[in-house]
Amino acid sequence: MVAVTDTGVGMNPADAERIFEPFVRLDAARTGEAGGAGLGLSIVHSIVVAHDGQLSVQTAPGVGSTFAMRLPLG
C-alpha cells in the first residue's frame, strides 16, 4: 500500500467517493489557474482499477485527506 496525506482543507466524507468521477470539483471557488478540470483523480482511479487495485480516501473538513492505493503483488 502507498498512502499520501495532506493537511489541506479536507472535505465532507459523504462527498469523498465522488472525487473519483470525471469532471467532479467539490470546491467551485477554485477556478482558472488555482483549479483543475476534475480529471486527475478519475484518471488515477481508472489506472489503479485496471491493474486490479483499489484507491481510497479518508478525509474530514479542516483536517486534510489521506489517499491510499493498493495494488496486487504479482
N, C-alpha and C. Protein backbone atom coordinates (compact mmCIF):
# COMPACT_ATOMS: atom_id res chain seq x y z
N MET A 1 0.85 -1.18 0.00
CA MET A 1 0.00 0.00 0.00
C MET A 1 0.89 1.24 0.00
N VAL A 2 0.47 2.23 -0.74
CA VAL A 2 1.10 3.55 -0.76
C VAL A 2 0.05 4.55 -0.31
N ALA A 3 0.40 5.40 0.65
CA ALA A 3 -0.54 6.40 1.13
C ALA A 3 0.11 7.77 1.12
N VAL A 4 -0.68 8.76 0.78
CA VAL A 4 -0.24 10.15 0.77
C VAL A 4 -1.23 10.95 1.62
N THR A 5 -0.69 11.72 2.57
CA THR A 5 -1.53 12.50 3.47
C THR A 5 -1.20 13.98 3.31
N ASP A 6 -2.25 14.80 3.30
CA ASP A 6 -2.05 16.25 3.28
C ASP A 6 -2.75 16.88 4.48
N THR A 7 -2.41 18.11 4.74
CA THR A 7 -3.04 18.83 5.85
C THR A 7 -3.85 20.00 5.31
N GLY A 8 -4.45 19.78 4.15
CA GLY A 8 -5.25 20.82 3.50
C GLY A 8 -6.60 20.99 4.15
N VAL A 9 -7.52 21.54 3.39
CA VAL A 9 -8.85 21.86 3.92
C VAL A 9 -9.72 20.63 4.13
N GLY A 10 -9.37 19.51 3.53
CA GLY A 10 -10.19 18.31 3.66
C GLY A 10 -11.51 18.47 2.94
N MET A 11 -12.40 17.51 3.14
CA MET A 11 -13.72 17.57 2.51
C MET A 11 -14.70 16.76 3.33
N ASN A 12 -15.96 16.94 3.04
CA ASN A 12 -17.01 16.18 3.70
C ASN A 12 -16.88 14.72 3.28
N PRO A 13 -16.77 13.79 4.23
CA PRO A 13 -16.63 12.37 3.87
C PRO A 13 -17.77 11.85 2.98
N ALA A 14 -18.95 12.42 3.09
CA ALA A 14 -20.07 11.99 2.25
C ALA A 14 -19.83 12.30 0.78
N ASP A 15 -19.02 13.33 0.50
CA ASP A 15 -18.70 13.71 -0.89
C ASP A 15 -17.44 13.03 -1.41
N ALA A 16 -16.70 12.39 -0.54
CA ALA A 16 -15.36 11.91 -0.89
C ALA A 16 -15.34 10.93 -2.06
N GLU A 17 -16.25 9.98 -2.12
CA GLU A 17 -16.21 9.00 -3.21
C GLU A 17 -16.50 9.63 -4.57
N ARG A 18 -17.17 10.75 -4.59
CA ARG A 18 -17.48 11.43 -5.86
C ARG A 18 -16.23 11.96 -6.54
N ILE A 19 -15.17 12.23 -5.79
CA ILE A 19 -13.98 12.85 -6.39
C ILE A 19 -13.27 11.95 -7.37
N PHE A 20 -13.62 10.66 -7.41
CA PHE A 20 -13.02 9.74 -8.37
C PHE A 20 -13.80 9.70 -9.68
N GLU A 21 -14.90 10.45 -9.77
CA GLU A 21 -15.68 10.54 -11.01
C GLU A 21 -15.13 11.66 -11.88
N PRO A 22 -15.16 11.49 -13.21
CA PRO A 22 -14.64 12.53 -14.11
C PRO A 22 -15.38 13.86 -13.95
N PHE A 23 -14.65 14.94 -14.01
CA PHE A 23 -15.13 16.32 -14.01
C PHE A 23 -15.78 16.77 -12.70
N VAL A 24 -15.61 16.01 -11.64
CA VAL A 24 -16.16 16.41 -10.34
C VAL A 24 -15.18 17.35 -9.66
N ARG A 25 -15.68 18.51 -9.26
CA ARG A 25 -14.90 19.50 -8.50
C ARG A 25 -15.78 19.93 -7.34
N LEU A 26 -15.38 19.58 -6.14
CA LEU A 26 -16.20 19.88 -4.97
C LEU A 26 -16.11 21.34 -4.56
N ASP A 27 -15.02 22.01 -4.87
CA ASP A 27 -14.82 23.40 -4.47
C ASP A 27 -15.00 24.29 -5.69
N ALA A 28 -16.20 24.82 -5.87
CA ALA A 28 -16.50 25.67 -7.04
C ALA A 28 -15.71 26.97 -7.01
N ALA A 29 -15.19 27.35 -5.86
CA ALA A 29 -14.43 28.60 -5.76
C ALA A 29 -13.07 28.50 -6.43
N ARG A 30 -12.59 27.29 -6.65
CA ARG A 30 -11.28 27.11 -7.29
C ARG A 30 -11.46 27.06 -8.80
N THR A 31 -11.17 28.15 -9.45
CA THR A 31 -11.31 28.20 -10.90
C THR A 31 -10.01 28.70 -11.51
N GLY A 32 -9.92 28.61 -12.81
CA GLY A 32 -8.76 29.14 -13.51
C GLY A 32 -7.48 28.44 -13.11
N GLU A 33 -6.43 29.22 -12.85
CA GLU A 33 -5.12 28.66 -12.55
C GLU A 33 -5.10 27.88 -11.24
N ALA A 34 -5.95 28.22 -10.29
CA ALA A 34 -5.93 27.56 -8.99
C ALA A 34 -6.66 26.23 -9.00
N GLY A 35 -7.48 25.98 -9.99
CA GLY A 35 -8.26 24.75 -10.03
C GLY A 35 -7.90 23.91 -11.23
N GLY A 36 -8.55 22.79 -11.34
CA GLY A 36 -8.29 21.90 -12.46
C GLY A 36 -9.60 21.54 -13.15
N ALA A 37 -9.50 20.58 -14.04
CA ALA A 37 -10.67 20.14 -14.80
C ALA A 37 -11.45 19.06 -14.08
N GLY A 38 -10.91 18.52 -13.00
CA GLY A 38 -11.58 17.45 -12.29
C GLY A 38 -11.34 16.09 -12.92
N LEU A 39 -10.19 15.93 -13.56
CA LEU A 39 -9.88 14.66 -14.23
C LEU A 39 -8.76 13.87 -13.55
N GLY A 40 -7.90 14.51 -12.79
CA GLY A 40 -6.72 13.85 -12.24
C GLY A 40 -7.02 12.61 -11.43
N LEU A 41 -7.86 12.73 -10.42
CA LEU A 41 -8.17 11.57 -9.58
C LEU A 41 -8.97 10.52 -10.33
N SER A 42 -9.77 10.93 -11.29
CA SER A 42 -10.50 9.98 -12.12
C SER A 42 -9.54 9.13 -12.94
N ILE A 43 -8.52 9.77 -13.51
CA ILE A 43 -7.52 9.05 -14.30
C ILE A 43 -6.73 8.09 -13.42
N VAL A 44 -6.29 8.57 -12.26
CA VAL A 44 -5.55 7.71 -11.33
C VAL A 44 -6.40 6.51 -10.93
N HIS A 45 -7.67 6.76 -10.60
CA HIS A 45 -8.57 5.68 -10.20
C HIS A 45 -8.71 4.65 -11.32
N SER A 46 -8.87 5.10 -12.55
CA SER A 46 -9.01 4.19 -13.69
C SER A 46 -7.77 3.32 -13.88
N ILE A 47 -6.60 3.91 -13.73
CA ILE A 47 -5.35 3.15 -13.88
C ILE A 47 -5.21 2.12 -12.77
N VAL A 48 -5.49 2.52 -11.54
CA VAL A 48 -5.38 1.59 -10.41
C VAL A 48 -6.36 0.43 -10.57
N VAL A 49 -7.60 0.71 -10.92
CA VAL A 49 -8.60 -0.34 -11.11
C VAL A 49 -8.22 -1.25 -12.28
N ALA A 50 -7.66 -0.70 -13.34
CA ALA A 50 -7.24 -1.51 -14.49
C ALA A 50 -6.14 -2.50 -14.11
N HIS A 51 -5.43 -2.22 -13.04
CA HIS A 51 -4.39 -3.11 -12.55
C HIS A 51 -4.87 -3.93 -11.34
N ASP A 52 -6.19 -4.07 -11.22
CA ASP A 52 -6.83 -4.84 -10.14
C ASP A 52 -6.51 -4.30 -8.75
N GLY A 53 -6.35 -2.99 -8.65
CA GLY A 53 -6.06 -2.37 -7.37
C GLY A 53 -7.24 -1.59 -6.82
N GLN A 54 -6.98 -0.91 -5.72
CA GLN A 54 -8.01 -0.11 -5.06
C GLN A 54 -7.43 1.26 -4.71
N LEU A 55 -8.24 2.29 -4.83
CA LEU A 55 -7.87 3.64 -4.44
C LEU A 55 -8.94 4.14 -3.48
N SER A 56 -8.51 4.67 -2.34
CA SER A 56 -9.47 5.14 -1.35
C SER A 56 -9.02 6.47 -0.77
N VAL A 57 -9.95 7.13 -0.09
CA VAL A 57 -9.63 8.39 0.57
C VAL A 57 -10.31 8.41 1.94
N GLN A 58 -9.58 8.93 2.92
CA GLN A 58 -10.13 9.23 4.24
C GLN A 58 -9.92 10.72 4.45
N THR A 59 -10.98 11.42 4.85
CA THR A 59 -10.89 12.86 4.92
C THR A 59 -11.88 13.42 5.93
N ALA A 60 -11.61 14.64 6.35
CA ALA A 60 -12.53 15.37 7.23
C ALA A 60 -12.29 16.86 7.01
N PRO A 61 -13.35 17.65 7.02
CA PRO A 61 -13.19 19.09 6.83
C PRO A 61 -12.25 19.69 7.87
N GLY A 62 -11.33 20.51 7.40
CA GLY A 62 -10.39 21.19 8.29
C GLY A 62 -9.24 20.34 8.77
N VAL A 63 -9.21 19.07 8.39
CA VAL A 63 -8.17 18.16 8.87
C VAL A 63 -7.21 17.76 7.77
N GLY A 64 -7.71 17.55 6.56
CA GLY A 64 -6.89 17.09 5.45
C GLY A 64 -7.42 15.77 4.93
N SER A 65 -6.61 15.14 4.08
CA SER A 65 -7.04 13.91 3.42
C SER A 65 -5.87 12.93 3.33
N THR A 66 -6.20 11.65 3.36
CA THR A 66 -5.22 10.59 3.12
C THR A 66 -5.74 9.74 1.97
N PHE A 67 -4.96 9.65 0.91
CA PHE A 67 -5.28 8.83 -0.24
C PHE A 67 -4.42 7.58 -0.16
N ALA A 68 -5.04 6.42 -0.31
CA ALA A 68 -4.32 5.15 -0.24
C ALA A 68 -4.54 4.35 -1.51
N MET A 69 -3.46 3.78 -2.01
CA MET A 69 -3.51 2.95 -3.22
C MET A 69 -2.98 1.57 -2.88
N ARG A 70 -3.75 0.55 -3.24
CA ARG A 70 -3.32 -0.84 -3.05
C ARG A 70 -3.31 -1.52 -4.41
N LEU A 71 -2.19 -2.18 -4.70
CA LEU A 71 -2.06 -2.93 -5.94
C LEU A 71 -1.65 -4.36 -5.60
N PRO A 72 -2.12 -5.35 -6.38
CA PRO A 72 -1.71 -6.73 -6.11
C PRO A 72 -0.22 -6.91 -6.43
N LEU A 73 0.39 -7.87 -5.76
CA LEU A 73 1.83 -8.07 -5.92
C LEU A 73 2.20 -8.85 -7.17
N GLY A 74 1.50 -9.59 -7.73
CA GLY A 74 2.04 -10.36 -8.85
C GLY A 74 1.14 -10.53 -9.92
